[in-house]
C-alpha atoms as a PDB file:
ATOM      1  CA  UNK A   1     134.265 -22.375 132.991  1.00  0.00           C
ATOM      2  CA  UNK A   2     137.357 -23.099 135.171  1.00  0.00           C
ATOM      3  CA  UNK A   3     137.170 -22.292 138.884  1.00  0.00           C
ATOM      4  CA  UNK A   4     140.176 -20.913 140.765  1.00  0.00           C
ATOM      5  CA  UNK A   5     140.492 -21.345 144.530  1.00  0.00           C
ATOM      6  CA  UNK A   6     143.045 -19.466 146.648  1.00  0.00           C
ATOM      7  CA  UNK A   7     143.647 -20.066 150.340  1.00  0.00           C
ATOM      8  CA  UNK A   8     145.826 -18.217 152.809  1.00  0.00           C
ATOM      9  CA  UNK A   9     146.398 -19.897 156.158  1.00  0.00           C
ATOM     10  CA  UNK A  10     148.467 -18.335 158.933  1.00  0.00           C
ATOM     11  CA  UNK A  11     149.993 -20.821 161.344  1.00  0.00           C
ATOM     12  CA  UNK A  12     149.214 -19.757 164.915  1.00  0.00           C
ATOM     13  CA  UNK A  13     152.312 -21.393 166.400  1.00  0.00           C
ATOM     14  CA  UNK A  14     155.567 -22.241 164.587  1.00  0.00           C
ATOM     15  CA  UNK A  15     155.795 -25.384 166.750  1.00  0.00           C
ATOM     16  CA  UNK A  16     152.918 -26.790 164.649  1.00  0.00           C
ATOM     17  CA  UNK A  17     154.882 -26.513 161.390  1.00  0.00           C
ATOM     18  CA  UNK A  18     155.807 -30.191 160.993  1.00  0.00           C
ATOM     19  CA  UNK A  19     152.254 -31.387 161.624  1.00  0.00           C
ATOM     20  CA  UNK A  20     150.768 -28.663 159.416  1.00  0.00           C
ATOM     21  CA  UNK A  21     153.268 -29.292 156.616  1.00  0.00           C
ATOM     22  CA  UNK A  22     152.422 -33.011 156.577  1.00  0.00           C
ATOM     23  CA  UNK A  23     148.741 -32.183 156.122  1.00  0.00           C
ATOM     24  CA  UNK A  24     149.512 -29.493 153.532  1.00  0.00           C
ATOM     25  CA  UNK A  25     151.482 -31.985 151.432  1.00  0.00           C
ATOM     26  CA  UNK A  26     148.630 -34.494 151.673  1.00  0.00           C
ATOM     27  CA  UNK A  27     146.069 -31.899 150.560  1.00  0.00           C
ATOM     28  CA  UNK A  28     148.174 -30.672 147.625  1.00  0.00           C
ATOM     29  CA  UNK A  29     148.869 -34.227 146.471  1.00  0.00           C
ATOM     30  CA  UNK A  30     145.163 -35.046 146.770  1.00  0.00           C
ATOM     31  CA  UNK A  31     144.260 -31.972 144.709  1.00  0.00           C
ATOM     32  CA  UNK A  32     146.773 -32.886 142.005  1.00  0.00           C
ATOM     33  CA  UNK A  33     145.324 -36.397 141.747  1.00  0.00           C
ATOM     34  CA  UNK A  34     141.660 -35.377 141.932  1.00  0.00           C
ATOM     35  CA  UNK A  35     139.310 -35.572 138.989  1.00  0.00           C
ATOM     36  CA  UNK A  36     138.936 -32.173 137.363  1.00  0.00           C
ATOM     37  CA  UNK A  37     142.117 -30.637 138.776  1.00  0.00           C
ATOM     38  CA  UNK A  38     143.831 -28.357 136.250  1.00  0.00           C
ATOM     39  CA  UNK A  39     146.727 -27.277 138.460  1.00  0.00           C
ATOM     40  CA  UNK A  40     147.909 -26.756 142.022  1.00  0.00           C
ATOM     41  CA  UNK A  41     150.650 -24.701 143.618  1.00  0.00           C
ATOM     42  CA  UNK A  42     151.686 -23.460 147.058  1.00  0.00           C
ATOM     43  CA  UNK A  43     153.698 -20.590 148.503  1.00  0.00           C
ATOM     44  CA  UNK A  44     155.371 -20.056 151.865  1.00  0.00           C
ATOM     45  CA  UNK A  45     155.022 -16.394 152.847  1.00  0.00           C
ATOM     46  CA  UNK A  46     156.262 -14.200 155.693  1.00  0.00           C
ATOM     47  CA  UNK A  47     154.538 -14.143 159.082  1.00  0.00           C
ATOM     48  CA  UNK A  48     153.912 -17.929 159.066  1.00  0.00           C
ATOM     49  CA  UNK A  49     151.434 -17.607 156.185  1.00  0.00           C
ATOM     50  CA  UNK A  50     150.913 -20.385 153.647  1.00  0.00           C
ATOM     51  CA  UNK A  51     149.114 -19.931 150.328  1.00  0.00           C
ATOM     52  CA  UNK A  52     147.653 -22.430 147.910  1.00  0.00           C
ATOM     53  CA  UNK A  53     146.023 -22.009 144.533  1.00  0.00           C
ATOM     54  CA  UNK A  54     144.141 -24.645 142.576  1.00  0.00           C
ATOM     55  CA  UNK A  55     142.296 -24.635 139.278  1.00  0.00           C
ATOM     56  CA  UNK A  56     139.326 -26.893 138.550  1.00  0.00           C
ATOM     57  CA  UNK A  57     137.340 -27.797 135.438  1.00  0.00           C
ATOM     58  CA  UNK A  58     134.146 -26.826 137.242  1.00  0.00           C
ATOM     59  CA  UNK A  59     132.705 -26.091 140.674  1.00  0.00           C
ATOM     60  CA  UNK A  60     131.208 -29.560 141.234  1.00  0.00           C
ATOM     61  CA  UNK A  61     134.575 -31.284 140.715  1.00  0.00           C
ATOM     62  CA  UNK A  62     136.229 -28.801 143.098  1.00  0.00           C
ATOM     63  CA  UNK A  63     133.523 -29.519 145.672  1.00  0.00           C
ATOM     64  CA  UNK A  64     134.172 -33.238 145.286  1.00  0.00           C
ATOM     65  CA  UNK A  65     137.780 -32.632 146.340  1.00  0.00           C
ATOM     66  CA  UNK A  66     136.732 -30.433 149.288  1.00  0.00           C
ATOM     67  CA  UNK A  67     134.256 -33.048 150.529  1.00  0.00           C
ATOM     68  CA  UNK A  68     136.640 -36.023 150.408  1.00  0.00           C
ATOM     69  CA  UNK A  69     139.524 -37.264 152.534  1.00  0.00           C
ATOM     70  CA  UNK A  70     142.125 -36.194 153.403  1.00  0.00           C
ATOM     71  CA  UNK A  71     141.050 -32.574 152.683  1.00  0.00           C
ATOM     72  CA  UNK A  72     137.789 -32.948 154.596  1.00  0.00           C
ATOM     73  CA  UNK A  73     139.557 -34.095 157.761  1.00  0.00           C
ATOM     74  CA  UNK A  74     142.326 -31.519 157.446  1.00  0.00           C
ATOM     75  CA  UNK A  75     139.815 -28.690 157.128  1.00  0.00           C
ATOM     76  CA  UNK A  76     138.291 -29.658 160.492  1.00  0.00           C
ATOM     77  CA  UNK A  77     141.691 -28.965 162.107  1.00  0.00           C
ATOM     78  CA  UNK A  78     142.010 -25.343 160.938  1.00  0.00           C
ATOM     79  CA  UNK A  79     141.315 -24.098 164.484  1.00  0.00           C
ATOM     80  CA  UNK A  80     144.188 -26.237 165.728  1.00  0.00           C
ATOM     81  CA  UNK A  81     146.636 -24.924 163.127  1.00  0.00           C
ATOM     82  CA  UNK A  82     145.578 -21.400 162.285  1.00  0.00           C
ATOM     83  CA  UNK A  83     144.833 -18.027 163.783  1.00  0.00           C
ATOM     84  CA  UNK A  84     143.777 -16.842 160.332  1.00  0.00           C
ATOM     85  CA  UNK A  85     142.235 -18.655 157.374  1.00  0.00           C
ATOM     86  CA  UNK A  86     140.938 -16.872 154.278  1.00  0.00           C
ATOM     87  CA  UNK A  87     139.583 -18.242 151.031  1.00  0.00           C
ATOM     88  CA  UNK A  88     138.391 -16.956 147.696  1.00  0.00           C
ATOM     89  CA  UNK A  89     137.191 -18.561 144.495  1.00  0.00           C
ATOM     90  CA  UNK A  90     136.265 -17.184 141.099  1.00  0.00           C
ATOM     91  CA  UNK A  91     135.635 -18.320 137.564  1.00  0.00           C
ATOM     92  CA  UNK A  92     137.946 -17.346 134.742  1.00  0.00           C
ATOM     93  CA  UNK A  93     138.159 -18.133 131.053  1.00  0.00           C
ATOM     94  CA  UNK A  94     141.691 -19.556 131.204  1.00  0.00           C
ATOM     95  CA  UNK A  95     142.380 -22.975 132.745  1.00  0.00           C
ATOM     96  CA  UNK A  96     145.813 -21.728 133.870  1.00  0.00           C
ATOM     97  CA  UNK A  97     146.667 -20.945 137.474  1.00  0.00           C
ATOM     98  CA  UNK A  98     146.801 -17.206 138.127  1.00  0.00           C
ATOM     99  CA  UNK A  99     150.056 -15.616 139.246  1.00  0.00           C
ATOM    100  CA  UNK A 100     150.456 -14.822 142.957  1.00  0.00           C
ATOM    101  CA  UNK A 101     149.811 -11.087 142.496  1.00  0.00           C
ATOM    102  CA  UNK A 102     146.434 -11.849 140.889  1.00  0.00           C
ATOM    103  CA  UNK A 103     145.663 -14.318 143.681  1.00  0.00           C
ATOM    104  CA  UNK A 104     146.529 -11.669 146.283  1.00  0.00           C
ATOM    105  CA  UNK A 105     144.271  -9.111 144.597  1.00  0.00           C
ATOM    106  CA  UNK A 106     141.312 -11.512 144.535  1.00  0.00           C
ATOM    107  CA  UNK A 107     141.869 -12.589 148.136  1.00  0.00           C
ATOM    108  CA  UNK A 108     142.107  -9.055 149.494  1.00  0.00           C
ATOM    109  CA  UNK A 109     139.135  -7.840 147.433  1.00  0.00           C
ATOM    110  CA  UNK A 110     136.729 -10.764 147.859  1.00  0.00           C
ATOM    111  CA  UNK A 111     138.213 -13.169 150.412  1.00  0.00           C
ATOM    112  CA  UNK A 112     136.080 -14.818 153.058  1.00  0.00           C
ATOM    113  CA  UNK A 113     137.376 -15.396 156.575  1.00  0.00           C
ATOM    114  CA  UNK A 114     136.871 -18.887 157.978  1.00  0.00           C
ATOM    115  CA  UNK A 115     134.886 -19.097 161.196  1.00  0.00           C
ATOM    116  CA  UNK A 116     137.776 -19.921 163.518  1.00  0.00           C
ATOM    117  CA  UNK A 117     137.336 -19.761 167.275  1.00  0.00           C
ATOM    118  CA  UNK A 118     140.406 -17.658 168.090  1.00  0.00           C
ATOM    119  CA  UNK A 119     140.123 -13.899 168.564  1.00  0.00           C
ATOM    120  CA  UNK A 120     143.112 -13.365 166.287  1.00  0.00           C
ATOM    121  CA  UNK A 121     141.250 -15.096 163.468  1.00  0.00           C
ATOM    122  CA  UNK A 122     138.390 -12.630 163.709  1.00  0.00           C
ATOM    123  CA  UNK A 123     140.696  -9.623 163.310  1.00  0.00           C
ATOM    124  CA  UNK A 124     143.574 -11.220 161.387  1.00  0.00           C
ATOM    125  CA  UNK A 125     142.243 -10.894 157.852  1.00  0.00           C
ATOM    126  CA  UNK A 126     141.280  -7.244 158.299  1.00  0.00           C
ATOM    127  CA  UNK A 127     144.829  -6.513 159.440  1.00  0.00           C
ATOM    128  CA  UNK A 128     146.282  -8.529 156.551  1.00  0.00           C
ATOM    129  CA  UNK A 129     144.116  -6.778 153.975  1.00  0.00           C
ATOM    130  CA  UNK A 130     144.928  -3.252 155.182  1.00  0.00           C
ATOM    131  CA  UNK A 131     148.558  -3.761 156.181  1.00  0.00           C
ATOM    132  CA  UNK A 132     147.923  -3.943 159.929  1.00  0.00           C
ATOM    133  CA  UNK A 133     151.148  -2.253 161.008  1.00  0.00           C
ATOM    134  CA  UNK A 134     153.290  -5.321 160.415  1.00  0.00           C
ATOM    135  CA  UNK A 135     156.128  -6.105 158.073  1.00  0.00           C
ATOM    136  CA  UNK A 136     155.061  -6.741 154.473  1.00  0.00           C
ATOM    137  CA  UNK A 137     154.458 -10.279 153.335  1.00  0.00           C
ATOM    138  CA  UNK A 138     156.452 -11.787 150.509  1.00  0.00           C
ATOM    139  CA  UNK A 139     153.673 -11.053 148.042  1.00  0.00           C
ATOM    140  CA  UNK A 140     153.478  -7.436 149.124  1.00  0.00           C
ATOM    141  CA  UNK A 141     157.243  -6.969 149.045  1.00  0.00           C
ATOM    142  CA  UNK A 142     157.513  -8.207 145.456  1.00  0.00           C
ATOM    143  CA  UNK A 143     154.421  -6.349 144.244  1.00  0.00           C
ATOM    144  CA  UNK A 144     155.073  -5.298 140.687  1.00  0.00           C
ATOM    145  CA  UNK A 145     158.002  -7.678 140.271  1.00  0.00           C
ATOM    146  CA  UNK A 146     157.847 -11.200 138.924  1.00  0.00           C
ATOM    147  CA  UNK A 147     157.941 -13.929 141.540  1.00  0.00           C
ATOM    148  CA  UNK A 148     160.824 -16.282 141.076  1.00  0.00           C
ATOM    149  CA  UNK A 149     160.688 -20.014 141.681  1.00  0.00           C
ATOM    150  CA  UNK A 150     163.008 -19.544 144.687  1.00  0.00           C
ATOM    151  CA  UNK A 151     160.074 -17.826 146.426  1.00  0.00           C
ATOM    152  CA  UNK A 152     157.861 -20.864 146.010  1.00  0.00           C
ATOM    153  CA  UNK A 153     157.911 -23.943 148.160  1.00  0.00           C
ATOM    154  CA  UNK A 154     160.240 -26.507 146.717  1.00  0.00           C
ATOM    155  CA  UNK A 155     158.392 -28.769 144.330  1.00  0.00           C
ATOM    156  CA  UNK A 156     160.503 -31.631 145.601  1.00  0.00           C
ATOM    157  CA  UNK A 157     159.492 -30.925 149.199  1.00  0.00           C
ATOM    158  CA  UNK A 158     155.799 -30.300 148.573  1.00  0.00           C
ATOM    159  CA  UNK A 159     155.124 -32.094 145.289  1.00  0.00           C
ATOM    160  CA  UNK A 160     153.647 -28.889 143.910  1.00  0.00           C
ATOM    161  CA  UNK A 161     154.032 -26.911 140.787  1.00  0.00           C
ATOM    162  CA  UNK A 162     151.596 -28.707 138.496  1.00  0.00           C
ATOM    163  CA  UNK A 163     150.833 -25.540 136.594  1.00  0.00           C
ATOM    164  CA  UNK A 164     149.645 -26.907 133.299  1.00  0.00           C
ATOM    165  CA  UNK A 165     146.192 -28.183 132.478  1.00  0.00           C
ATOM    166  CA  UNK A 166     147.158 -31.277 130.550  1.00  0.00           C
ATOM    167  CA  UNK A 167     145.897 -34.586 131.810  1.00  0.00           C
ATOM    168  CA  UNK A 168     148.425 -36.558 133.860  1.00  0.00           C
END
């Protein structure tokens, strides 16, 4: 059964954007080229948050991606980049990527917070999940409305958008 993985990473300092973006592009491109990948997409959100969603033929193929370079090396730098990192995965019958609203629902209901060293990371997800007295994120502000491609990172800039499950 296909496995869906959603990540939400909040950049701790906007000055890290160029470095972070370079690694994000590398990870998305790696996912798209990895055995068993059914689709990959990314979203730039408010409050320096970055989302990704990937679909995999099965859990072992997804784990192969996670445990190989460049993803493996990038994941060791989450403390450097992020003051919040949350992840969720689930199995679903369809090989298609879920929409962002579905991803948000899964992340807020069942997401796991990465063990980052910063204090903000320990409280960040709880504030994200309950609103935390901050302005709404893009996903929250469009809740109930379809997301348009203009809300997504440019496929030309990030080489994303592989949303079908046909072999490339």
